[in-house]
Amino acid sequence: MSTRTLVIAEAGVNHNGDLDLARQLVDIAADAGADLVKFQTFSADRLATRDARKADYQASTTGAGESQHAMLRRLELSEDAHRMLIAHCTQRGIGFFSTGFDIECVDLLVRLGLQRFKIPSGEITNLPYLRHVGRLASHGCPVILSTGMATLGEIDAALGVLENAGTEREQITVLHCNTDYPTPAHEVNLHAMTSIGKAFGVAVGYSDHTEGIAVAIAAVALGASVIEKHFTVDRSLPGPDHPASLEPGELKAMVAAIRSIELALGDGVKRPTPGELKNRPIARKSLVALRPIAAGERFSADNLTAKRPGTGLSPMRWDEMVGQPAARAFAADELITP
């Protein structure tokens, strides 16, 4: 069977700083059948300067008058909020996950018991951060590395830092990603995901910011072992990421489709399935008398043909039979026996 895809439902900052909404997002992810629900752990003061501008998509969804720092400050989650969300995830039977955006936040997540690390696209060139995560993961924790905006050279350098810090390459899954929200289809370049796997010998996945669910499903068909997708209670809510997120029914449909694709991928061995075997005698053909054949008459293209059912001699034995004398007489349409 094919490998099960790790489906990460990305709540991100779609809680809008409201813990009731955050709990509701956990419920939606659990109901959809996702493996993990992921939030974001950051301190606005450590993440951005006070005059750092917003990304274009953030400005269009939250207004250009507010700084990125001010927006982020509204979306921070406290340590108590993290503990509450972890407890709620446990209650709902879904794994809690979060991206730590700086060293202190990564350490907080470790204190809270997380044993899997997510490196966001923006930190792929942050050497001290990468080195710290690499050291923490050196005892075997999985690491997921997003590569939005990155070149192959930058991915190679980030992998080198992680490995030099003690993380084995086998622990790392590299996610192809485009950080434009929403990502237009012509900029997805999904084949880059497989290129990353071939270039670095790593497991690969896809962090999807396109509209809809089609591209995420296609990524699984191409070999993604991890899918990450933003979701929300309602796309019309205020906030930077809501417009490019799935609504609850869409998230559930995506997870269901991914599970179906996993089954459909199978193990790669070409063989008839049990369901097909019963169709062989119906769909295949046998050697049949084209017209009455007398005993002793030699089989030829003039008196042989191939017709259903496939319960007699295979037409693959045509050359073997042509020129041989018939051991007995055959009526027209009668299956030939040796």
C-alpha atoms as a PDB file:
ATOM      1  CA  MET A   1       0.000   0.000   0.000  1.00  0.00           C
ATOM      2  CA  SER A   2       1.043   3.601  -0.513  1.00  0.00           C
ATOM      3  CA  THR A   3       2.317   5.664   2.424  1.00  0.00           C
ATOM      4  CA  ARG A   4      -0.286   7.556   4.436  1.00  0.00           C
ATOM      5  CA  THR A   5      -0.123  11.286   3.852  1.00  0.00           C
ATOM      6  CA  LEU A   6       0.272  13.497   6.908  1.00  0.00           C
ATOM      7  CA  VAL A   7      -2.528  16.048   6.519  1.00  0.00           C
ATOM      8  CA  ILE A   8      -1.888  19.280   8.412  1.00  0.00           C
ATOM      9  CA  ALA A   9      -4.911  21.560   8.740  1.00  0.00           C
ATOM     10  CA  GLU A  10      -3.337  25.007   8.997  1.00  0.00           C
ATOM     11  CA  ALA A  11      -5.367  27.167  11.360  1.00  0.00           C
ATOM     12  CA  GLY A  12      -2.478  29.618  11.399  1.00  0.00           C
ATOM     13  CA  VAL A  13      -3.708  32.999  12.584  1.00  0.00           C
ATOM     14  CA  ASN A  14      -7.288  32.461  11.438  1.00  0.00           C
ATOM     15  CA  HIS A  15      -8.345  32.504  15.093  1.00  0.00           C
ATOM     16  CA  ASN A  16      -8.044  36.315  14.919  1.00  0.00           C
ATOM     17  CA  GLY A  17      -6.798  36.328  18.517  1.00  0.00           C
ATOM     18  CA  ASP A  18     -10.098  34.826  19.740  1.00  0.00           C
ATOM     19  CA  LEU A  19      -9.620  31.609  21.740  1.00  0.00           C
ATOM     20  CA  ASP A  20     -13.216  30.509  21.203  1.00  0.00           C
ATOM     21  CA  LEU A  21     -12.620  30.767  17.472  1.00  0.00           C
ATOM     22  CA  ALA A  22      -9.339  28.881  17.900  1.00  0.00           C
ATOM     23  CA  ARG A  23     -11.180  26.055  19.667  1.00  0.00           C
ATOM     24  CA  GLN A  24     -13.732  26.019  16.877  1.00  0.00           C
ATOM     25  CA  LEU A  25     -10.912  25.616  14.352  1.00  0.00           C
ATOM     26  CA  VAL A  26      -9.624  22.606  16.283  1.00  0.00           C
ATOM     27  CA  ASP A  27     -13.104  21.089  16.129  1.00  0.00           C
ATOM     28  CA  ILE A  28     -13.342  21.656  12.364  1.00  0.00           C
ATOM     29  CA  ALA A  29      -9.951  20.057  11.739  1.00  0.00           C
ATOM     30  CA  ALA A  30     -10.825  17.067  13.913  1.00  0.00           C
ATOM     31  CA  ASP A  31     -14.199  16.609  12.231  1.00  0.00           C
ATOM     32  CA  ALA A  32     -12.530  16.770   8.808  1.00  0.00           C
ATOM     33  CA  GLY A  33     -10.175  13.910   9.698  1.00  0.00           C
ATOM     34  CA  ALA A  34      -6.923  15.871   9.542  1.00  0.00           C
ATOM     35  CA  ASP A  35      -3.930  14.409  11.375  1.00  0.00           C
ATOM     36  CA  LEU A  36      -2.699  17.662  12.888  1.00  0.00           C
ATOM     37  CA  VAL A  37      -4.087  21.156  13.383  1.00  0.00           C
ATOM     38  CA  LYS A  38      -1.349  23.757  13.170  1.00  0.00           C
ATOM     39  CA  PHE A  39      -1.167  27.211  14.678  1.00  0.00           C
ATOM     40  CA  GLN A  40       1.609  29.816  14.654  1.00  0.00           C
ATOM     41  CA  THR A  41       3.743  30.678  17.651  1.00  0.00           C
ATOM     42  CA  PHE A  42       5.403  34.069  17.505  1.00  0.00           C
ATOM     43  CA  SER A  43       6.152  37.290  19.321  1.00  0.00           C
ATOM     44  CA  ALA A  44       5.441  40.371  17.226  1.00  0.00           C
ATOM     45  CA  ASP A  45       8.342  42.181  18.908  1.00  0.00           C
ATOM     46  CA  ARG A  46      10.802  39.448  17.904  1.00  0.00           C
ATOM     47  CA  LEU A  47       9.291  38.748  14.490  1.00  0.00           C
ATOM     48  CA  ALA A  48       9.094  42.169  12.837  1.00  0.00           C
ATOM     49  CA  THR A  49      10.323  45.702  13.257  1.00  0.00           C
ATOM     50  CA  ARG A  50       7.689  48.323  13.992  1.00  0.00           C
ATOM     51  CA  ASP A  51       7.929  49.753  10.494  1.00  0.00           C
ATOM     52  CA  ALA A  52       8.065  46.445   8.559  1.00  0.00           C
ATOM     53  CA  ARG A  53       5.430  46.625   5.831  1.00  0.00           C
ATOM     54  CA  LYS A  54       2.793  44.021   5.205  1.00  0.00           C
ATOM     55  CA  ALA A  55       2.829  41.645   2.262  1.00  0.00           C
ATOM     56  CA  ASP A  56       0.547  42.783  -0.552  1.00  0.00           C
ATOM     57  CA  TYR A  57      -2.032  40.118   0.246  1.00  0.00           C
ATOM     58  CA  GLN A  58      -2.005  41.151   3.922  1.00  0.00           C
ATOM     59  CA  ALA A  59      -2.491  44.793   3.020  1.00  0.00           C
ATOM     60  CA  SER A  60      -5.373  43.919   0.720  1.00  0.00           C
ATOM     61  CA  THR A  61      -7.152  41.845   3.384  1.00  0.00           C
ATOM     62  CA  THR A  62      -6.409  43.893   6.516  1.00  0.00           C
ATOM     63  CA  GLY A  63      -5.665  47.379   5.200  1.00  0.00           C
ATOM     64  CA  ALA A  64      -2.408  49.158   4.451  1.00  0.00           C
ATOM     65  CA  GLY A  65      -2.661  51.712   7.264  1.00  0.00           C
ATOM     66  CA  GLU A  66      -1.663  49.256   9.990  1.00  0.00           C
ATOM     67  CA  SER A  67       1.932  48.011  10.264  1.00  0.00           C
ATOM     68  CA  GLN A  68       2.810  44.337  10.050  1.00  0.00           C
ATOM     69  CA  HIS A  69       3.976  44.548  13.665  1.00  0.00           C
ATOM     70  CA  ALA A  70       0.612  45.873  14.842  1.00  0.00           C
ATOM     71  CA  MET A  71      -1.242  43.183  12.901  1.00  0.00           C
ATOM     72  CA  LEU A  72       0.945  40.450  14.363  1.00  0.00           C
ATOM     73  CA  ARG A  73       0.522  41.776  17.890  1.00  0.00           C
ATOM     74  CA  ARG A  74      -3.235  41.210  17.599  1.00  0.00           C
ATOM     75  CA  LEU A  75      -2.673  37.617  16.498  1.00  0.00           C
ATOM     76  CA  GLU A  76      -0.227  36.395  19.151  1.00  0.00           C
ATOM     77  CA  LEU A  77      -1.104  33.349  21.240  1.00  0.00           C
ATOM     78  CA  SER A  78       0.031  33.308  24.878  1.00  0.00           C
ATOM     79  CA  GLU A  79       1.564  30.285  26.572  1.00  0.00           C
ATOM     80  CA  ASP A  80      -1.722  29.750  28.423  1.00  0.00           C
ATOM     81  CA  ALA A  81      -3.571  29.839  25.102  1.00  0.00           C
ATOM     82  CA  HIS A  82      -1.219  27.180  23.757  1.00  0.00           C
ATOM     83  CA  ARG A  83      -1.873  24.960  26.767  1.00  0.00           C
ATOM     84  CA  MET A  84      -5.618  25.375  26.373  1.00  0.00           C
ATOM     85  CA  LEU A  85      -5.450  24.490  22.676  1.00  0.00           C
ATOM     86  CA  ILE A  86      -3.239  21.451  23.344  1.00  0.00           C
ATOM     87  CA  ALA A  87      -5.753  20.211  25.923  1.00  0.00           C
ATOM     88  CA  HIS A  88      -8.629  20.757  23.490  1.00  0.00           C
ATOM     89  CA  CYS A  89      -6.767  18.892  20.741  1.00  0.00           C
ATOM     90  CA  THR A  90      -6.238  15.976  23.120  1.00  0.00           C
ATOM     91  CA  GLN A  91      -9.931  15.981  23.944  1.00  0.00           C
ATOM     92  CA  ARG A  92     -10.847  15.958  20.237  1.00  0.00           C
ATOM     93  CA  GLY A  93      -8.297  13.295  19.266  1.00  0.00           C
ATOM     94  CA  ILE A  94      -6.229  15.422  16.900  1.00  0.00           C
ATOM     95  CA  GLY A  95      -2.560  16.326  17.162  1.00  0.00           C
ATOM     96  CA  PHE A  96      -1.599  19.888  18.093  1.00  0.00           C
ATOM     97  CA  PHE A  97       1.152  21.431  15.999  1.00  0.00           C
ATOM     98  CA  SER A  98       2.608  24.901  15.627  1.00  0.00           C
ATOM     99  CA  THR A  99       5.286  26.789  13.759  1.00  0.00           C
ATOM    100  CA  GLY A 100       7.730  28.585  16.026  1.00  0.00           C
ATOM    101  CA  PHE A 101       8.985  31.722  14.305  1.00  0.00           C
ATOM    102  CA  ASP A 102      12.026  32.367  16.506  1.00  0.00           C
ATOM    103  CA  ILE A 103      14.333  30.486  18.831  1.00  0.00           C
ATOM    104  CA  GLU A 104      12.405  31.441  21.983  1.00  0.00           C
ATOM    105  CA  CYS A 105       9.125  30.297  20.439  1.00  0.00           C
ATOM    106  CA  VAL A 106      10.655  27.003  19.347  1.00  0.00           C
ATOM    107  CA  ASP A 107      11.870  26.472  22.908  1.00  0.00           C
ATOM    108  CA  LEU A 108       8.367  27.231  24.205  1.00  0.00           C
ATOM    109  CA  LEU A 109       6.894  24.567  21.937  1.00  0.00           C
ATOM    110  CA  VAL A 110       9.481  22.062  23.144  1.00  0.00           C
ATOM    111  CA  ARG A 111       8.554  22.849  26.771  1.00  0.00           C
ATOM    112  CA  LEU A 112       4.936  22.237  25.843  1.00  0.00           C
ATOM    113  CA  GLY A 113       5.833  18.756  24.640  1.00  0.00           C
ATOM    114  CA  LEU A 114       5.967  19.128  20.869  1.00  0.00           C
ATOM    115  CA  GLN A 115       8.318  16.641  19.224  1.00  0.00           C
ATOM    116  CA  ARG A 116       7.991  17.762  15.618  1.00  0.00           C
ATOM    117  CA  PHE A 117       9.371  20.985  14.155  1.00  0.00           C
ATOM    118  CA  LYS A 118       8.030  23.156  11.342  1.00  0.00           C
ATOM    119  CA  ILE A 119      10.412  25.643   9.754  1.00  0.00           C
ATOM    120  CA  PRO A 120       8.445  28.342   7.921  1.00  0.00           C
ATOM    121  CA  SER A 121       9.510  29.618   4.524  1.00  0.00           C
ATOM    122  CA  GLY A 122      10.658  32.951   5.919  1.00  0.00           C
ATOM    123  CA  GLU A 123      13.245  31.285   8.175  1.00  0.00           C
ATOM    124  CA  ILE A 124      14.969  29.176   5.513  1.00  0.00           C
ATOM    125  CA  THR A 125      17.827  31.711   5.402  1.00  0.00           C
ATOM    126  CA  ASN A 126      17.972  32.274   9.192  1.00  0.00           C
ATOM    127  CA  LEU A 127      21.143  30.392  10.074  1.00  0.00           C
ATOM    128  CA  PRO A 128      21.007  30.716  13.911  1.00  0.00           C
ATOM    129  CA  TYR A 129      17.381  29.571  13.884  1.00  0.00           C
ATOM    130  CA  LEU A 130      18.091  26.637  11.567  1.00  0.00           C
ATOM    131  CA  ARG A 131      21.057  25.581  13.676  1.00  0.00           C
ATOM    132  CA  HIS A 132      18.955  25.695  16.851  1.00  0.00           C
ATOM    133  CA  VAL A 133      16.179  23.579  15.336  1.00  0.00           C
ATOM    134  CA  GLY A 134      18.782  21.172  13.964  1.00  0.00           C
ATOM    135  CA  ARG A 135      20.250  20.665  17.422  1.00  0.00           C
ATOM    136  CA  LEU A 136      16.857  20.167  19.050  1.00  0.00           C
ATOM    137  CA  ALA A 137      15.843  17.651  16.400  1.00  0.00           C
ATOM    138  CA  SER A 138      19.140  15.762  16.560  1.00  0.00           C
ATOM    139  CA  HIS A 139      17.679  13.049  18.799  1.00  0.00           C
ATOM    140  CA  GLY A 140      15.260  11.948  16.077  1.00  0.00           C
ATOM    141  CA  CYS A 141      12.399  14.450  15.900  1.00  0.00           C
ATOM    142  CA  PRO A 142      10.837  14.994  12.465  1.00  0.00           C
ATOM    143  CA  VAL A 143      11.508  18.348  10.796  1.00  0.00           C
ATOM    144  CA  ILE A 144       9.277  19.893   8.127  1.00  0.00           C
ATOM    145  CA  LEU A 145      10.957  22.582   6.038  1.00  0.00           C
ATOM    146  CA  SER A 146       8.860  24.933   3.908  1.00  0.00           C
ATOM    147  CA  THR A 147      10.590  26.395   0.874  1.00  0.00           C
ATOM    148  CA  GLY A 148       8.425  29.246  -0.370  1.00  0.00           C
ATOM    149  CA  MET A 149      10.499  31.917  -2.175  1.00  0.00           C
ATOM    150  CA  ALA A 150      13.572  29.646  -2.060  1.00  0.00           C
ATOM    151  CA  THR A 151      15.981  28.457  -4.724  1.00  0.00           C
ATOM    152  CA  LEU A 152      17.452  24.971  -4.850  1.00  0.00           C
ATOM    153  CA  GLY A 153      20.701  26.476  -3.609  1.00  0.00           C
ATOM    154  CA  GLU A 154      18.996  27.940  -0.548  1.00  0.00           C
ATOM    155  CA  ILE A 155      17.287  24.630   0.186  1.00  0.00           C
ATOM    156  CA  ASP A 156      20.649  22.884  -0.085  1.00  0.00           C
ATOM    157  CA  ALA A 157      22.217  25.371   2.328  1.00  0.00           C
ATOM    158  CA  ALA A 158      19.377  25.004   4.862  1.00  0.00           C
ATOM    159  CA  LEU A 159      19.610  21.218   4.737  1.00  0.00           C
ATOM    160  CA  GLY A 160      23.348  21.502   5.296  1.00  0.00           C
ATOM    161  CA  VAL A 161      22.845  23.613   8.423  1.00  0.00           C
ATOM    162  CA  LEU A 162      20.300  21.178   9.832  1.00  0.00           C
ATOM    163  CA  GLU A 163      22.531  18.178   9.133  1.00  0.00           C
ATOM    164  CA  ASN A 164      25.635  19.833  10.546  1.00  0.00           C
ATOM    165  CA  ALA A 165      23.657  20.521  13.723  1.00  0.00           C
ATOM    166  CA  GLY A 166      22.847  16.823  14.082  1.00  0.00           C
ATOM    167  CA  THR A 167      19.571  16.258  12.223  1.00  0.00           C
ATOM    168  CA  GLU A 168      19.635  13.313   9.835  1.00  0.00           C
ATOM    169  CA  ARG A 169      18.331  13.919   6.308  1.00  0.00           C
ATOM    170  CA  GLU A 170      15.910  11.009   6.780  1.00  0.00           C
ATOM    171  CA  GLN A 171      14.149  13.054   9.479  1.00  0.00           C
ATOM    172  CA  ILE A 172      13.466  15.974   7.138  1.00  0.00           C
ATOM    173  CA  THR A 173      10.487  16.492   4.865  1.00  0.00           C
ATOM    174  CA  VAL A 174      10.818  19.405   2.452  1.00  0.00           C
ATOM    175  CA  LEU A 175       7.600  21.145   1.413  1.00  0.00           C
ATOM    176  CA  HIS A 176       7.304  22.820  -1.948  1.00  0.00           C
ATOM    177  CA  CYS A 177       5.452  26.071  -1.376  1.00  0.00           C
ATOM    178  CA  ASN A 178       4.483  29.346  -3.012  1.00  0.00           C
ATOM    179  CA  THR A 179       3.895  32.169  -0.526  1.00  0.00           C
ATOM    180  CA  ASP A 180       1.521  34.196  -2.689  1.00  0.00           C
ATOM    181  CA  TYR A 181      -1.978  34.095  -1.132  1.00  0.00           C
ATOM    182  CA  PRO A 182      -3.835  32.804  -3.068  1.00  0.00           C
ATOM    183  CA  THR A 183      -1.320  31.205  -5.431  1.00  0.00           C
ATOM    184  CA  PRO A 184      -2.437  31.341  -9.086  1.00  0.00           C
ATOM    185  CA  ALA A 185      -2.355  27.949 -10.808  1.00  0.00           C
ATOM    186  CA  HIS A 186       0.268  29.006 -13.341  1.00  0.00           C
ATOM    187  CA  GLU A 187       2.714  29.765 -10.505  1.00  0.00           C
ATOM    188  CA  VAL A 188       2.259  26.518  -8.561  1.00  0.00           C
ATOM    189  CA  ASN A 189       4.960  24.573 -10.466  1.00  0.00           C
ATOM    190  CA  LEU A 190       4.039  21.342  -8.726  1.00  0.00           C
ATOM    191  CA  HIS A 191       6.763  19.406 -10.535  1.00  0.00           C
ATOM    192  CA  ALA A 192       9.251  21.406  -8.453  1.00  0.00           C
ATOM    193  CA  MET A 193       8.200  19.219  -5.527  1.00  0.00           C
ATOM    194  CA  THR A 194       9.452  16.089  -7.263  1.00  0.00           C
ATOM    195  CA  SER A 195      12.570  17.959  -8.395  1.00  0.00           C
ATOM    196  CA  ILE A 196      13.369  18.735  -4.754  1.00  0.00           C
ATOM    197  CA  GLY A 197      13.031  15.075  -3.838  1.00  0.00           C
ATOM    198  CA  LYS A 198      15.331  13.975  -6.640  1.00  0.00           C
ATOM    199  CA  ALA A 199      17.893  16.706  -5.973  1.00  0.00           C
ATOM    200  CA  PHE A 200      18.281  16.098  -2.246  1.00  0.00           C
ATOM    201  CA  GLY A 201      17.035  12.577  -1.573  1.00  0.00           C
ATOM    202  CA  VAL A 202      14.438  13.791   0.913  1.00  0.00           C
ATOM    203  CA  ALA A 203      10.793  13.089   1.551  1.00  0.00           C
ATOM    204  CA  VAL A 204       8.689  15.837   0.000  1.00  0.00           C
ATOM    205  CA  GLY A 205       5.327  17.444   0.541  1.00  0.00           C
ATOM    206  CA  TYR A 206       3.343  20.491  -0.432  1.00  0.00           C
ATOM    207  CA  SER A 207       2.149  23.537   1.469  1.00  0.00           C
ATOM    208  CA  ASP A 208      -0.811  24.697  -0.588  1.00  0.00           C
ATOM    209  CA  HIS A 209      -2.003  28.283  -0.875  1.00  0.00           C
ATOM    210  CA  THR A 210      -4.109  27.878  -4.016  1.00  0.00           C
ATOM    211  CA  GLU A 211      -7.873  28.247  -4.020  1.00  0.00           C
ATOM    212  CA  GLY A 212      -9.795  24.980  -3.798  1.00  0.00           C
ATOM    213  CA  ILE A 213      -8.535  21.471  -3.170  1.00  0.00           C
ATOM    214  CA  ALA A 214      -7.474  20.197  -6.605  1.00  0.00           C
ATOM    215  CA  VAL A 215      -3.785  21.073  -6.390  1.00  0.00           C
ATOM    216  CA  ALA A 216      -3.315  19.531  -2.939  1.00  0.00           C
ATOM    217  CA  ILE A 217      -4.888  16.308  -4.196  1.00  0.00           C
ATOM    218  CA  ALA A 218      -2.660  16.356  -7.275  1.00  0.00           C
ATOM    219  CA  ALA A 219       0.379  16.761  -5.019  1.00  0.00           C
ATOM    220  CA  VAL A 220      -0.517  13.541  -3.203  1.00  0.00           C
ATOM    221  CA  ALA A 221      -0.784  11.757  -6.544  1.00  0.00           C
ATOM    222  CA  LEU A 222       2.729  13.027  -7.347  1.00  0.00           C
ATOM    223  CA  GLY A 223       4.154  11.659  -4.103  1.00  0.00           C
ATOM    224  CA  ALA A 224       3.602  14.271  -1.385  1.00  0.00           C
ATOM    225  CA  SER A 225       3.969  12.671   2.032  1.00  0.00           C
ATOM    226  CA  VAL A 226       2.778  15.836   3.806  1.00  0.00           C
ATOM    227  CA  ILE A 227       0.003  18.237   2.807  1.00  0.00           C
ATOM    228  CA  GLU A 228      -0.495  21.519   4.609  1.00  0.00           C
ATOM    229  CA  LYS A 229      -3.560  23.636   3.846  1.00  0.00           C
ATOM    230  CA  HIS A 230      -5.048  26.747   5.449  1.00  0.00           C
ATOM    231  CA  PHE A 231      -8.643  26.577   6.606  1.00  0.00           C
ATOM    232  CA  THR A 232     -11.097  28.892   8.298  1.00  0.00           C
ATOM    233  CA  VAL A 233     -14.556  28.996   9.778  1.00  0.00           C
ATOM    234  CA  ASP A 234     -15.624  31.524   7.148  1.00  0.00           C
ATOM    235  CA  ARG A 235     -13.625  33.071   4.304  1.00  0.00           C
ATOM    236  CA  SER A 236     -15.417  36.397   4.786  1.00  0.00           C
ATOM    237  CA  LEU A 237     -13.964  36.920   8.278  1.00  0.00           C
ATOM    238  CA  PRO A 238     -11.470  39.770   8.711  1.00  0.00           C
ATOM    239  CA  GLY A 239      -7.823  38.744   8.807  1.00  0.00           C
ATOM    240  CA  PRO A 240      -4.862  38.217   6.492  1.00  0.00           C
ATOM    241  CA  ASP A 241      -5.307  34.531   5.592  1.00  0.00           C
ATOM    242  CA  HIS A 242      -9.064  33.905   5.561  1.00  0.00           C
ATOM    243  CA  PRO A 243      -9.685  34.626   1.841  1.00  0.00           C
ATOM    244  CA  ALA A 244      -7.146  31.984   0.738  1.00  0.00           C
ATOM    245  CA  SER A 245      -8.378  29.331   3.199  1.00  0.00           C
ATOM    246  CA  LEU A 246     -10.748  26.390   2.894  1.00  0.00           C
ATOM    247  CA  GLU A 247     -14.097  26.435   4.634  1.00  0.00           C
ATOM    248  CA  PRO A 248     -15.086  23.419   6.793  1.00  0.00           C
ATOM    249  CA  GLY A 249     -16.860  21.405   4.093  1.00  0.00           C
ATOM    250  CA  GLU A 250     -13.972  21.933   1.687  1.00  0.00           C
ATOM    251  CA  LEU A 251     -11.400  20.801   4.243  1.00  0.00           C
ATOM    252  CA  LYS A 252     -13.391  17.638   4.891  1.00  0.00           C
ATOM    253  CA  ALA A 253     -13.675  17.001   1.143  1.00  0.00           C
ATOM    254  CA  MET A 254      -9.921  17.485   0.702  1.00  0.00           C
ATOM    255  CA  VAL A 255      -9.045  14.990   3.439  1.00  0.00           C
ATOM    256  CA  ALA A 256     -11.502  12.448   2.027  1.00  0.00           C
ATOM    257  CA  ALA A 257     -10.075  12.885  -1.473  1.00  0.00           C
ATOM    258  CA  ILE A 258      -6.511  12.476  -0.210  1.00  0.00           C
ATOM    259  CA  ARG A 259      -7.427   9.231   1.540  1.00  0.00           C
ATOM    260  CA  SER A 260      -9.040   7.978  -1.676  1.00  0.00           C
ATOM    261  CA  ILE A 261      -5.941   8.884  -3.689  1.00  0.00           C
ATOM    262  CA  GLU A 262      -3.743   7.021  -1.189  1.00  0.00           C
ATOM    263  CA  LEU A 263      -5.801   3.882  -1.763  1.00  0.00           C
ATOM    264  CA  ALA A 264      -5.746   4.408  -5.508  1.00  0.00           C
ATOM    265  CA  LEU A 265      -1.949   4.782  -5.630  1.00  0.00           C
ATOM    266  CA  GLY A 266      -1.468   1.249  -4.327  1.00  0.00           C
ATOM    267  CA  ASP A 267       1.943  -0.435  -4.174  1.00  0.00           C
ATOM    268  CA  GLY A 268       3.062   0.085  -7.768  1.00  0.00           C
ATOM    269  CA  VAL A 269       3.081  -3.606  -8.727  1.00  0.00           C
ATOM    270  CA  LYS A 270       1.166  -4.160 -11.993  1.00  0.00           C
ATOM    271  CA  ARG A 271      -1.029  -7.235 -11.616  1.00  0.00           C
ATOM    272  CA  PRO A 272      -4.710  -8.079 -12.039  1.00  0.00           C
ATOM    273  CA  THR A 273      -6.754  -7.317  -8.973  1.00  0.00           C
ATOM    274  CA  PRO A 274      -9.223  -9.810  -7.500  1.00  0.00           C
ATOM    275  CA  GLY A 275     -11.998  -7.699  -8.980  1.00  0.00           C
ATOM    276  CA  GLU A 276     -10.458  -7.956 -12.447  1.00  0.00           C
ATOM    277  CA  LEU A 277      -9.799 -11.686 -12.477  1.00  0.00           C
ATOM    278  CA  LYS A 278     -13.478 -12.510 -12.847  1.00  0.00           C
ATOM    279  CA  ASN A 279     -13.554 -10.354 -16.007  1.00  0.00           C
ATOM    280  CA  ARG A 280     -10.781 -12.225 -17.798  1.00  0.00           C
ATOM    281  CA  PRO A 281     -12.947 -14.973 -19.337  1.00  0.00           C
ATOM    282  CA  ILE A 282     -15.552 -12.385 -20.313  1.00  0.00           C
ATOM    283  CA  ALA A 283     -13.340  -9.701 -21.864  1.00  0.00           C
ATOM    284  CA  ARG A 284     -10.530 -11.787 -23.361  1.00  0.00           C
ATOM    285  CA  LYS A 285     -10.767 -13.975 -26.442  1.00  0.00           C
ATOM    286  CA  SER A 286     -10.078 -17.549 -27.452  1.00  0.00           C
ATOM    287  CA  LEU A 287      -9.210 -19.240 -30.730  1.00  0.00           C
ATOM    288  CA  VAL A 288     -12.490 -20.069 -32.497  1.00  0.00           C
ATOM    289  CA  ALA A 289     -13.420 -21.841 -35.738  1.00  0.00           C
ATOM    290  CA  LEU A 290     -14.223 -19.151 -38.302  1.00  0.00           C
ATOM    291  CA  ARG A 291     -16.147 -21.741 -40.333  1.00  0.00           C
ATOM    292  CA  PRO A 292     -16.648 -25.517 -40.093  1.00  0.00           C
ATOM    293  CA  ILE A 293     -13.287 -27.293 -39.914  1.00  0.00           C
ATOM    294  CA  ALA A 294     -12.957 -30.937 -40.950  1.00  0.00           C
ATOM    295  CA  ALA A 295     -10.894 -33.412 -38.960  1.00  0.00           C
ATOM    296  CA  GLY A 296      -7.332 -33.390 -40.305  1.00  0.00           C
ATOM    297  CA  GLU A 297      -7.753 -29.988 -41.983  1.00  0.00           C
ATOM    298  CA  ARG A 298      -4.854 -27.688 -41.123  1.00  0.00           C
ATOM    299  CA  PHE A 299      -5.586 -24.585 -39.083  1.00  0.00           C
ATOM    300  CA  SER A 300      -5.044 -21.338 -41.010  1.00  0.00           C
ATOM    301  CA  ALA A 301      -6.065 -17.689 -41.212  1.00  0.00           C
ATOM    302  CA  ASP A 302      -8.933 -18.891 -43.418  1.00  0.00           C
ATOM    303  CA  ASN A 303     -10.541 -21.058 -40.758  1.00  0.00           C
ATOM    304  CA  LEU A 304      -9.418 -19.495 -37.441  1.00  0.00           C
ATOM    305  CA  THR A 305     -10.406 -16.281 -35.657  1.00  0.00           C
ATOM    306  CA  ALA A 306     -10.428 -14.889 -32.116  1.00  0.00           C
ATOM    307  CA  LYS A 307     -13.666 -14.265 -30.222  1.00  0.00           C
ATOM    308  CA  ARG A 308     -14.977 -14.037 -26.708  1.00  0.00           C
ATOM    309  CA  PRO A 309     -15.165 -15.773 -24.258  1.00  0.00           C
ATOM    310  CA  GLY A 310     -11.611 -16.252 -23.118  1.00  0.00           C
ATOM    311  CA  THR A 311     -12.126 -19.733 -21.732  1.00  0.00           C
ATOM    312  CA  GLY A 312     -10.322 -21.600 -24.511  1.00  0.00           C
ATOM    313  CA  LEU A 313      -6.918 -21.406 -26.161  1.00  0.00           C
ATOM    314  CA  SER A 314      -5.356 -17.959 -25.980  1.00  0.00           C
ATOM    315  CA  PRO A 315      -4.945 -16.173 -29.330  1.00  0.00           C
ATOM    316  CA  MET A 316      -1.309 -15.727 -28.250  1.00  0.00           C
ATOM    317  CA  ARG A 317      -0.935 -19.376 -29.421  1.00  0.00           C
ATOM    318  CA  TRP A 318      -2.004 -18.446 -32.983  1.00  0.00           C
ATOM    319  CA  ASP A 319       1.412 -19.110 -34.533  1.00  0.00           C
ATOM    320  CA  GLU A 320       1.660 -22.415 -32.693  1.00  0.00           C
ATOM    321  CA  MET A 321      -1.709 -23.637 -34.005  1.00  0.00           C
ATOM    322  CA  VAL A 322      -1.527 -22.402 -37.610  1.00  0.00           C
ATOM    323  CA  GLY A 323      -0.382 -25.290 -39.817  1.00  0.00           C
ATOM    324  CA  GLN A 324      -1.347 -27.960 -37.293  1.00  0.00           C
ATOM    325  CA  PRO A 325      -3.987 -30.532 -38.354  1.00  0.00           C
ATOM    326  CA  ALA A 326      -7.293 -30.466 -36.525  1.00  0.00           C
ATOM    327  CA  ALA A 327      -7.564 -33.523 -34.292  1.00  0.00           C
ATOM    328  CA  ARG A 328     -11.313 -33.561 -34.866  1.00  0.00           C
ATOM    329  CA  ALA A 329     -13.996 -31.619 -36.671  1.00  0.00           C
ATOM    330  CA  PHE A 330     -15.058 -28.201 -35.334  1.00  0.00           C
ATOM    331  CA  ALA A 331     -18.310 -26.413 -36.001  1.00  0.00           C
ATOM    332  CA  ALA A 332     -18.332 -22.708 -36.838  1.00  0.00           C
ATOM    333  CA  ASP A 333     -17.902 -20.562 -33.693  1.00  0.00           C
ATOM    334  CA  GLU A 334     -16.700 -23.557 -31.679  1.00  0.00           C
ATOM    335  CA  LEU A 335     -13.732 -22.955 -29.374  1.00  0.00           C
ATOM    336  CA  ILE A 336     -10.606 -24.716 -30.590  1.00  0.00           C
ATOM    337  CA  THR A 337      -9.103 -27.331 -28.306  1.00  0.00           C
ATOM    338  CA  PRO A 338      -5.567 -28.617 -28.759  1.00  0.00           C
END
